[in-house]
Amino acid sequence: MIIRAARPEDYPNLKHIAEVKFGKDFAGKDQFFENGLLCLVAEIDGTVVAYATACIVDSESKSHLEKYFDGKTGLLSSLAVFPEFERRKIGTMLAKERVKRLKEMGCDSIIATAWRSEKDGVHVGKILDRLGFKPIDELLRYWEGNDCVFCGDYCTCDAVVYKLKF
């Protein structure tokens, strides 16, 4: 397996993984290739099987999560592994690489939101726990109104906000 920066030609695979994991129209091309966005992929035998995105924010950044920003802050966005490749530690390896790169880029802390559904509990919560993140807040019905692979057409899932300080 190779972990590398995403390339524009990876977009069809990235979009397909996002739709399988998060629902139709979850992510457009800008979700992966926006200026300043870190998008990593896991590639096996020449095929992209997972991706993880992140960016750097600061106290001047406008975000619904800005109250959690502390100096130069990394913000973990999506992490998705194609179902056939789950349970192989690919998500953990991508998460570790995002943390490593954000730290190298000078971040003082990293914020992540983890999806919590009634059916499956907190998605990626165990990965974040293993990497030293601590839960700091809960946002009820965070994705309300969006299409959801867990809830159906109208999402009622919550989010758990995690933070890692260096």
C-alpha atoms as a PDB file:
ATOM      1  CA  MET A   1       0.000   0.000   0.000  1.00  0.00           C
ATOM      2  CA  ILE A   2       1.130   3.522  -0.825  1.00  0.00           C
ATOM      3  CA  ILE A   3      -0.058   6.684   0.940  1.00  0.00           C
ATOM      4  CA  ARG A   4       0.392   9.741  -1.262  1.00  0.00           C
ATOM      5  CA  ALA A   5      -1.085  13.124  -2.105  1.00  0.00           C
ATOM      6  CA  ALA A   6      -4.192  12.937  -4.254  1.00  0.00           C
ATOM      7  CA  ARG A   7      -3.910  13.854  -7.928  1.00  0.00           C
ATOM      8  CA  PRO A   8      -6.669  15.284 -10.169  1.00  0.00           C
ATOM      9  CA  GLU A   9      -6.926  11.982 -12.055  1.00  0.00           C
ATOM     10  CA  ASP A  10      -7.927  10.319  -8.751  1.00  0.00           C
ATOM     11  CA  TYR A  11     -11.180  12.289  -8.649  1.00  0.00           C
ATOM     12  CA  PRO A  12     -13.517   9.592 -10.079  1.00  0.00           C
ATOM     13  CA  ASN A  13     -12.334   7.098  -7.431  1.00  0.00           C
ATOM     14  CA  LEU A  14     -12.527   9.712  -4.648  1.00  0.00           C
ATOM     15  CA  LYS A  15     -16.069  10.671  -5.608  1.00  0.00           C
ATOM     16  CA  HIS A  16     -17.129   7.020  -5.788  1.00  0.00           C
ATOM     17  CA  ILE A  17     -15.684   6.240  -2.338  1.00  0.00           C
ATOM     18  CA  ALA A  18     -17.379   9.345  -0.879  1.00  0.00           C
ATOM     19  CA  GLU A  19     -20.757   8.422  -2.356  1.00  0.00           C
ATOM     20  CA  VAL A  20     -20.551   4.825  -1.095  1.00  0.00           C
ATOM     21  CA  LYS A  21     -19.510   5.913   2.406  1.00  0.00           C
ATOM     22  CA  PHE A  22     -21.415   9.198   2.874  1.00  0.00           C
ATOM     23  CA  GLY A  23     -24.211   9.306   0.328  1.00  0.00           C
ATOM     24  CA  LYS A  24     -24.936  10.827  -3.045  1.00  0.00           C
ATOM     25  CA  ASP A  25     -23.439  14.225  -3.844  1.00  0.00           C
ATOM     26  CA  PHE A  26     -21.440  14.297  -0.600  1.00  0.00           C
ATOM     27  CA  ALA A  27     -18.357  15.756  -2.243  1.00  0.00           C
ATOM     28  CA  GLY A  28     -17.567  17.741  -5.347  1.00  0.00           C
ATOM     29  CA  LYS A  29     -14.110  18.152  -6.849  1.00  0.00           C
ATOM     30  CA  ASP A  30     -13.367  21.163  -4.606  1.00  0.00           C
ATOM     31  CA  GLN A  31     -13.740  18.901  -1.561  1.00  0.00           C
ATOM     32  CA  PHE A  32     -10.538  17.174  -2.630  1.00  0.00           C
ATOM     33  CA  PHE A  33      -8.535  19.762  -4.538  1.00  0.00           C
ATOM     34  CA  GLU A  34      -9.375  23.119  -2.971  1.00  0.00           C
ATOM     35  CA  ASN A  35      -6.382  25.422  -2.493  1.00  0.00           C
ATOM     36  CA  GLY A  36      -4.703  24.700   0.839  1.00  0.00           C
ATOM     37  CA  LEU A  37      -6.447  21.372   1.352  1.00  0.00           C
ATOM     38  CA  LEU A  38      -4.415  18.309   2.253  1.00  0.00           C
ATOM     39  CA  CYS A  39      -5.896  15.268   0.522  1.00  0.00           C
ATOM     40  CA  LEU A  40      -4.139  11.939   0.963  1.00  0.00           C
ATOM     41  CA  VAL A  41      -5.029   8.657  -0.688  1.00  0.00           C
ATOM     42  CA  ALA A  42      -4.251   5.027   0.007  1.00  0.00           C
ATOM     43  CA  GLU A  43      -3.430   3.144  -3.157  1.00  0.00           C
ATOM     44  CA  ILE A  44      -3.273  -0.636  -3.499  1.00  0.00           C
ATOM     45  CA  ASP A  45      -2.124  -2.219  -6.760  1.00  0.00           C
ATOM     46  CA  GLY A  46      -2.644   1.078  -8.607  1.00  0.00           C
ATOM     47  CA  THR A  47      -6.196   1.652  -7.318  1.00  0.00           C
ATOM     48  CA  VAL A  48      -7.222   4.356  -4.838  1.00  0.00           C
ATOM     49  CA  VAL A  49      -9.137   2.569  -2.069  1.00  0.00           C
ATOM     50  CA  ALA A  50      -9.350   5.297   0.599  1.00  0.00           C
ATOM     51  CA  TYR A  51      -8.836   9.006   1.169  1.00  0.00           C
ATOM     52  CA  ALA A  52      -8.441  11.476   4.006  1.00  0.00           C
ATOM     53  CA  THR A  53      -8.633  15.276   3.897  1.00  0.00           C
ATOM     54  CA  ALA A  54      -7.488  18.048   6.240  1.00  0.00           C
ATOM     55  CA  CYS A  55      -6.673  21.749   6.229  1.00  0.00           C
ATOM     56  CA  ILE A  56      -5.051  24.373   8.434  1.00  0.00           C
ATOM     57  CA  VAL A  57      -7.157  27.053  10.089  1.00  0.00           C
ATOM     58  CA  ASP A  58      -6.449  29.831  12.580  1.00  0.00           C
ATOM     59  CA  SER A  59      -8.376  32.207  14.817  1.00  0.00           C
ATOM     60  CA  GLU A  60      -9.158  34.369  11.761  1.00  0.00           C
ATOM     61  CA  SER A  61     -10.746  31.469   9.868  1.00  0.00           C
ATOM     62  CA  LYS A  62     -14.496  31.514   9.533  1.00  0.00           C
ATOM     63  CA  SER A  63     -15.948  28.178  10.532  1.00  0.00           C
ATOM     64  CA  HIS A  64     -18.750  26.814  12.654  1.00  0.00           C
ATOM     65  CA  LEU A  65     -15.937  25.124  14.616  1.00  0.00           C
ATOM     66  CA  GLU A  66     -13.862  28.277  15.185  1.00  0.00           C
ATOM     67  CA  LYS A  67     -14.530  28.332  18.936  1.00  0.00           C
ATOM     68  CA  TYR A  68     -12.291  25.245  19.183  1.00  0.00           C
ATOM     69  CA  PHE A  69      -9.374  26.761  17.259  1.00  0.00           C
ATOM     70  CA  ASP A  70      -6.262  27.366  19.304  1.00  0.00           C
ATOM     71  CA  GLY A  71      -3.477  29.152  17.404  1.00  0.00           C
ATOM     72  CA  LYS A  72      -2.563  27.400  14.183  1.00  0.00           C
ATOM     73  CA  THR A  73      -5.016  24.499  14.112  1.00  0.00           C
ATOM     74  CA  GLY A  74      -5.337  21.525  11.819  1.00  0.00           C
ATOM     75  CA  LEU A  75      -8.851  20.474  10.925  1.00  0.00           C
ATOM     76  CA  LEU A  76      -9.419  16.858   9.933  1.00  0.00           C
ATOM     77  CA  SER A  77     -12.176  16.540   7.373  1.00  0.00           C
ATOM     78  CA  SER A  78     -13.299  13.355   5.666  1.00  0.00           C
ATOM     79  CA  LEU A  79     -11.818   9.894   6.065  1.00  0.00           C
ATOM     80  CA  ALA A  80     -13.300   7.124   3.945  1.00  0.00           C
ATOM     81  CA  VAL A  81     -12.211   3.605   3.086  1.00  0.00           C
ATOM     82  CA  PHE A  82     -13.915   1.628   0.340  1.00  0.00           C
ATOM     83  CA  PRO A  83     -15.914  -1.149   2.097  1.00  0.00           C
ATOM     84  CA  GLU A  84     -13.930  -4.019   0.541  1.00  0.00           C
ATOM     85  CA  PHE A  85     -10.776  -2.629   2.190  1.00  0.00           C
ATOM     86  CA  GLU A  86     -12.105  -1.855   5.672  1.00  0.00           C
ATOM     87  CA  ARG A  87     -10.636  -3.512   8.765  1.00  0.00           C
ATOM     88  CA  ARG A  88      -7.097  -3.460   7.359  1.00  0.00           C
ATOM     89  CA  LYS A  89      -5.868  -0.405   9.349  1.00  0.00           C
ATOM     90  CA  ILE A  90      -5.925   1.761   6.194  1.00  0.00           C
ATOM     91  CA  GLY A  91      -7.999   4.445   7.929  1.00  0.00           C
ATOM     92  CA  THR A  92      -5.619   4.436  10.890  1.00  0.00           C
ATOM     93  CA  MET A  93      -2.592   4.814   8.615  1.00  0.00           C
ATOM     94  CA  LEU A  94      -4.202   7.716   6.737  1.00  0.00           C
ATOM     95  CA  ALA A  95      -5.178   9.395  10.021  1.00  0.00           C
ATOM     96  CA  LYS A  96      -1.634   9.034  11.393  1.00  0.00           C
ATOM     97  CA  GLU A  97      -0.190  10.519   8.220  1.00  0.00           C
ATOM     98  CA  ARG A  98      -2.564  13.509   8.378  1.00  0.00           C
ATOM     99  CA  VAL A  99      -1.561  14.174  11.999  1.00  0.00           C
ATOM    100  CA  LYS A 100       2.142  13.856  11.143  1.00  0.00           C
ATOM    101  CA  ARG A 101       1.900  16.264   8.216  1.00  0.00           C
ATOM    102  CA  LEU A 102      -0.173  18.841  10.099  1.00  0.00           C
ATOM    103  CA  LYS A 103       2.315  18.775  12.964  1.00  0.00           C
ATOM    104  CA  GLU A 104       5.194  19.225  10.485  1.00  0.00           C
ATOM    105  CA  MET A 105       3.294  22.207   9.042  1.00  0.00           C
ATOM    106  CA  GLY A 106       3.417  23.882  12.465  1.00  0.00           C
ATOM    107  CA  CYS A 107      -0.026  23.216  13.903  1.00  0.00           C
ATOM    108  CA  ASP A 108      -0.438  23.703  17.654  1.00  0.00           C
ATOM    109  CA  SER A 109      -3.491  21.452  17.790  1.00  0.00           C
ATOM    110  CA  ILE A 110      -5.863  19.462  15.589  1.00  0.00           C
ATOM    111  CA  ILE A 111      -9.673  19.360  15.660  1.00  0.00           C
ATOM    112  CA  ALA A 112     -11.791  16.544  14.249  1.00  0.00           C
ATOM    113  CA  THR A 113     -15.510  15.876  14.129  1.00  0.00           C
ATOM    114  CA  ALA A 114     -16.646  12.277  14.256  1.00  0.00           C
ATOM    115  CA  TRP A 115     -20.039  11.185  12.993  1.00  0.00           C
ATOM    116  CA  ARG A 116     -22.198   9.512  15.649  1.00  0.00           C
ATOM    117  CA  SER A 117     -25.203   7.503  14.527  1.00  0.00           C
ATOM    118  CA  GLU A 118     -27.677   5.621  16.688  1.00  0.00           C
ATOM    119  CA  LYS A 119     -26.991   2.462  14.706  1.00  0.00           C
ATOM    120  CA  ASP A 120     -23.180   2.423  14.647  1.00  0.00           C
ATOM    121  CA  GLY A 121     -21.920   4.695  17.415  1.00  0.00           C
ATOM    122  CA  VAL A 122     -19.024   7.106  16.818  1.00  0.00           C
ATOM    123  CA  HIS A 123     -17.364   6.597  13.447  1.00  0.00           C
ATOM    124  CA  VAL A 124     -13.556   6.959  13.548  1.00  0.00           C
ATOM    125  CA  GLY A 125     -13.775   7.565  17.299  1.00  0.00           C
ATOM    126  CA  LYS A 126     -11.528   4.600  18.089  1.00  0.00           C
ATOM    127  CA  ILE A 127      -8.926   5.802  15.595  1.00  0.00           C
ATOM    128  CA  LEU A 128      -8.933   9.287  17.135  1.00  0.00           C
ATOM    129  CA  ASP A 129      -8.684   7.836  20.654  1.00  0.00           C
ATOM    130  CA  ARG A 130      -5.653   5.718  19.647  1.00  0.00           C
ATOM    131  CA  LEU A 131      -3.951   8.806  18.199  1.00  0.00           C
ATOM    132  CA  GLY A 132      -4.345  10.730  21.467  1.00  0.00           C
ATOM    133  CA  PHE A 133      -7.358  12.893  20.603  1.00  0.00           C
ATOM    134  CA  LYS A 134      -9.753  13.722  23.429  1.00  0.00           C
ATOM    135  CA  PRO A 135     -13.505  14.322  23.005  1.00  0.00           C
ATOM    136  CA  ILE A 136     -14.272  17.934  23.960  1.00  0.00           C
ATOM    137  CA  ASP A 137     -17.852  18.558  22.829  1.00  0.00           C
ATOM    138  CA  GLU A 138     -20.977  17.083  21.258  1.00  0.00           C
ATOM    139  CA  LEU A 139     -22.975  18.747  18.506  1.00  0.00           C
ATOM    140  CA  LEU A 140     -26.502  17.375  18.405  1.00  0.00           C
ATOM    141  CA  ARG A 141     -28.082  16.735  15.001  1.00  0.00           C
ATOM    142  CA  TYR A 142     -24.968  18.200  13.390  1.00  0.00           C
ATOM    143  CA  TRP A 143     -25.723  16.935   9.877  1.00  0.00           C
ATOM    144  CA  GLU A 144     -29.489  17.430  10.165  1.00  0.00           C
ATOM    145  CA  GLY A 145     -31.302  17.623   6.870  1.00  0.00           C
ATOM    146  CA  ASN A 146     -28.578  16.126   4.676  1.00  0.00           C
ATOM    147  CA  ASP A 147     -28.823  12.776   2.945  1.00  0.00           C
ATOM    148  CA  CYS A 148     -27.277  10.163   5.192  1.00  0.00           C
ATOM    149  CA  VAL A 149     -26.123   6.607   4.592  1.00  0.00           C
ATOM    150  CA  PHE A 150     -27.109   5.819   8.189  1.00  0.00           C
ATOM    151  CA  CYS A 151     -30.423   7.679   8.598  1.00  0.00           C
ATOM    152  CA  GLY A 152     -31.655   7.835   5.019  1.00  0.00           C
ATOM    153  CA  ASP A 153     -32.868  10.973   3.277  1.00  0.00           C
ATOM    154  CA  TYR A 154     -32.914  13.152   6.402  1.00  0.00           C
ATOM    155  CA  CYS A 155     -29.918  12.915   8.699  1.00  0.00           C
ATOM    156  CA  THR A 156     -30.321  13.145  12.461  1.00  0.00           C
ATOM    157  CA  CYS A 157     -26.771  12.085  13.359  1.00  0.00           C
ATOM    158  CA  ASP A 158     -24.752  13.934  15.974  1.00  0.00           C
ATOM    159  CA  ALA A 159     -21.071  14.824  15.923  1.00  0.00           C
ATOM    160  CA  VAL A 160     -18.424  14.427  18.586  1.00  0.00           C
ATOM    161  CA  VAL A 161     -15.679  17.069  18.491  1.00  0.00           C
ATOM    162  CA  TYR A 162     -12.185  15.783  19.276  1.00  0.00           C
ATOM    163  CA  LYS A 163      -8.995  17.745  19.929  1.00  0.00           C
ATOM    164  CA  LEU A 164      -5.301  16.851  19.965  1.00  0.00           C
ATOM    165  CA  LYS A 165      -2.835  19.371  21.465  1.00  0.00           C
ATOM    166  CA  PHE A 166       0.900  19.216  20.774  1.00  0.00           C
END
